[in-house]
Amino acid sequence: MPEEPRYWFPAKRYGGGWGPPTTWQGWLVIAGYVVLVAAGAVVIEPSIRPGLFIVHLLLLTVVVIGVCRAKGKPPRWRWGKRDSP
């Protein structure tokens, strides 16, 4: 019987999307996201260039969502225990 892949980001029990990471790789992705957002806030100075900072946040968020889609359990709407195997 084939082994189920080890997902970095498990599906949430209720609703759509992913829950907190379950592997060190997932936590590294989240930590990198936080560090890059903070670095952008220091370098870009959102009070002076808010548009550029928003673009920075959007790009980082798109990358994190892409990693979650690639390394997380496939997203779909879940209703709790009814969806459990």
C-alpha atoms as a PDB file:
ATOM      1  CA  MET A   1       0.000   0.000   0.000  1.00  0.00           C
ATOM      2  CA  PRO A   2       1.533   3.360  -0.997  1.00  0.00           C
ATOM      3  CA  GLU A   3       2.476   5.670   1.821  1.00  0.00           C
ATOM      4  CA  GLU A   4       0.564   8.985   2.066  1.00  0.00           C
ATOM      5  CA  PRO A   5       2.871  11.929   1.338  1.00  0.00           C
ATOM      6  CA  ARG A   6       4.064  13.976   4.308  1.00  0.00           C
ATOM      7  CA  TYR A   7       2.432  17.358   3.921  1.00  0.00           C
ATOM      8  CA  TRP A   8       4.141  20.470   5.257  1.00  0.00           C
ATOM      9  CA  PHE A   9       0.757  22.128   5.728  1.00  0.00           C
ATOM     10  CA  PRO A  10      -2.210  19.963   6.763  1.00  0.00           C
ATOM     11  CA  ALA A  11      -5.767  20.840   5.781  1.00  0.00           C
ATOM     12  CA  LYS A  12      -7.863  22.607   8.377  1.00  0.00           C
ATOM     13  CA  ARG A  13     -10.570  20.478   9.962  1.00  0.00           C
ATOM     14  CA  TYR A  14     -13.286  23.088   9.324  1.00  0.00           C
ATOM     15  CA  GLY A  15     -13.477  25.411   6.328  1.00  0.00           C
ATOM     16  CA  GLY A  16     -10.956  25.768   3.563  1.00  0.00           C
ATOM     17  CA  GLY A  17      -7.217  26.275   3.467  1.00  0.00           C
ATOM     18  CA  TRP A  18      -4.363  24.993   5.576  1.00  0.00           C
ATOM     19  CA  GLY A  19      -3.590  24.823   9.257  1.00  0.00           C
ATOM     20  CA  PRO A  20      -0.281  25.478  11.011  1.00  0.00           C
ATOM     21  CA  PRO A  21       2.754  23.654   9.605  1.00  0.00           C
ATOM     22  CA  THR A  22       3.552  20.168  10.839  1.00  0.00           C
ATOM     23  CA  THR A  23       7.152  19.961   9.607  1.00  0.00           C
ATOM     24  CA  TRP A  24      10.254  22.051  10.131  1.00  0.00           C
ATOM     25  CA  GLN A  25      10.195  22.935   6.432  1.00  0.00           C
ATOM     26  CA  GLY A  26       6.734  24.445   6.798  1.00  0.00           C
ATOM     27  CA  TRP A  27       7.812  26.438   9.840  1.00  0.00           C
ATOM     28  CA  LEU A  28      10.847  27.647   7.898  1.00  0.00           C
ATOM     29  CA  VAL A  29       8.567  28.919   5.116  1.00  0.00           C
ATOM     30  CA  ILE A  30       6.398  30.795   7.644  1.00  0.00           C
ATOM     31  CA  ALA A  31       9.453  32.216   9.437  1.00  0.00           C
ATOM     32  CA  GLY A  32      10.923  33.343   6.115  1.00  0.00           C
ATOM     33  CA  TYR A  33       7.650  35.052   5.237  1.00  0.00           C
ATOM     34  CA  VAL A  34       7.587  36.930   8.551  1.00  0.00           C
ATOM     35  CA  VAL A  35      11.247  37.960   8.235  1.00  0.00           C
ATOM     36  CA  LEU A  36      10.761  39.189   4.651  1.00  0.00           C
ATOM     37  CA  VAL A  37       7.638  41.166   5.602  1.00  0.00           C
ATOM     38  CA  ALA A  38       9.521  42.792   8.499  1.00  0.00           C
ATOM     39  CA  ALA A  39      12.551  43.505   6.292  1.00  0.00           C
ATOM     40  CA  GLY A  40      10.252  45.077   3.707  1.00  0.00           C
ATOM     41  CA  ALA A  41       8.731  47.293   6.379  1.00  0.00           C
ATOM     42  CA  VAL A  42      12.195  48.535   7.330  1.00  0.00           C
ATOM     43  CA  VAL A  43      13.557  48.956   3.797  1.00  0.00           C
ATOM     44  CA  ILE A  44      10.452  50.224   1.995  1.00  0.00           C
ATOM     45  CA  GLU A  45       9.062  52.425   4.822  1.00  0.00           C
ATOM     46  CA  PRO A  46       5.309  51.859   4.330  1.00  0.00           C
ATOM     47  CA  SER A  47       4.383  55.328   5.638  1.00  0.00           C
ATOM     48  CA  ILE A  48       6.345  56.892   2.768  1.00  0.00           C
ATOM     49  CA  ARG A  49       5.674  54.360  -0.031  1.00  0.00           C
ATOM     50  CA  PRO A  50       2.517  52.426   0.894  1.00  0.00           C
ATOM     51  CA  GLY A  51       1.861  51.246  -2.678  1.00  0.00           C
ATOM     52  CA  LEU A  52       5.261  49.622  -2.993  1.00  0.00           C
ATOM     53  CA  PHE A  53       4.858  47.964   0.410  1.00  0.00           C
ATOM     54  CA  ILE A  54       1.447  46.547  -0.591  1.00  0.00           C
ATOM     55  CA  VAL A  55       2.978  45.120  -3.786  1.00  0.00           C
ATOM     56  CA  HIS A  56       5.766  43.599  -1.652  1.00  0.00           C
ATOM     57  CA  LEU A  57       3.185  41.974   0.661  1.00  0.00           C
ATOM     58  CA  LEU A  58       1.114  40.680  -2.242  1.00  0.00           C
ATOM     59  CA  LEU A  59       4.111  39.089  -3.956  1.00  0.00           C
ATOM     60  CA  LEU A  60       5.284  37.408  -0.747  1.00  0.00           C
ATOM     61  CA  THR A  61       1.768  36.161  -0.024  1.00  0.00           C
ATOM     62  CA  VAL A  62       1.390  34.714  -3.532  1.00  0.00           C
ATOM     63  CA  VAL A  63       4.685  32.845  -3.058  1.00  0.00           C
ATOM     64  CA  VAL A  64       3.596  31.436   0.342  1.00  0.00           C
ATOM     65  CA  ILE A  65       0.226  30.344  -1.056  1.00  0.00           C
ATOM     66  CA  GLY A  66       2.065  28.665  -3.942  1.00  0.00           C
ATOM     67  CA  VAL A  67       4.269  26.757  -1.489  1.00  0.00           C
ATOM     68  CA  CYS A  68       1.185  25.764   0.527  1.00  0.00           C
ATOM     69  CA  ARG A  69      -0.526  24.470  -2.615  1.00  0.00           C
ATOM     70  CA  ALA A  70       2.589  22.535  -3.648  1.00  0.00           C
ATOM     71  CA  LYS A  71       3.497  21.099  -0.241  1.00  0.00           C
ATOM     72  CA  GLY A  72       0.149  21.088   1.578  1.00  0.00           C
ATOM     73  CA  LYS A  73      -2.824  18.782   1.561  1.00  0.00           C
ATOM     74  CA  PRO A  74      -5.040  19.604  -1.438  1.00  0.00           C
ATOM     75  CA  PRO A  75      -7.468  22.361  -0.455  1.00  0.00           C
ATOM     76  CA  ARG A  76     -11.227  21.848  -0.355  1.00  0.00           C
ATOM     77  CA  TRP A  77     -14.039  22.808   1.989  1.00  0.00           C
ATOM     78  CA  ARG A  78     -14.151  20.572   5.065  1.00  0.00           C
ATOM     79  CA  TRP A  79     -16.915  20.009   7.609  1.00  0.00           C
ATOM     80  CA  GLY A  80     -14.977  18.447  10.476  1.00  0.00           C
ATOM     81  CA  LYS A  81     -15.257  14.792  11.431  1.00  0.00           C
ATOM     82  CA  ARG A  82     -17.684  14.013   8.581  1.00  0.00           C
ATOM     83  CA  ASP A  83     -14.765  14.408   6.178  1.00  0.00           C
ATOM     84  CA  SER A  84     -12.411  12.154   8.141  1.00  0.00           C
ATOM     85  CA  PRO A  85     -11.665   8.734   6.661  1.00  0.00           C
END
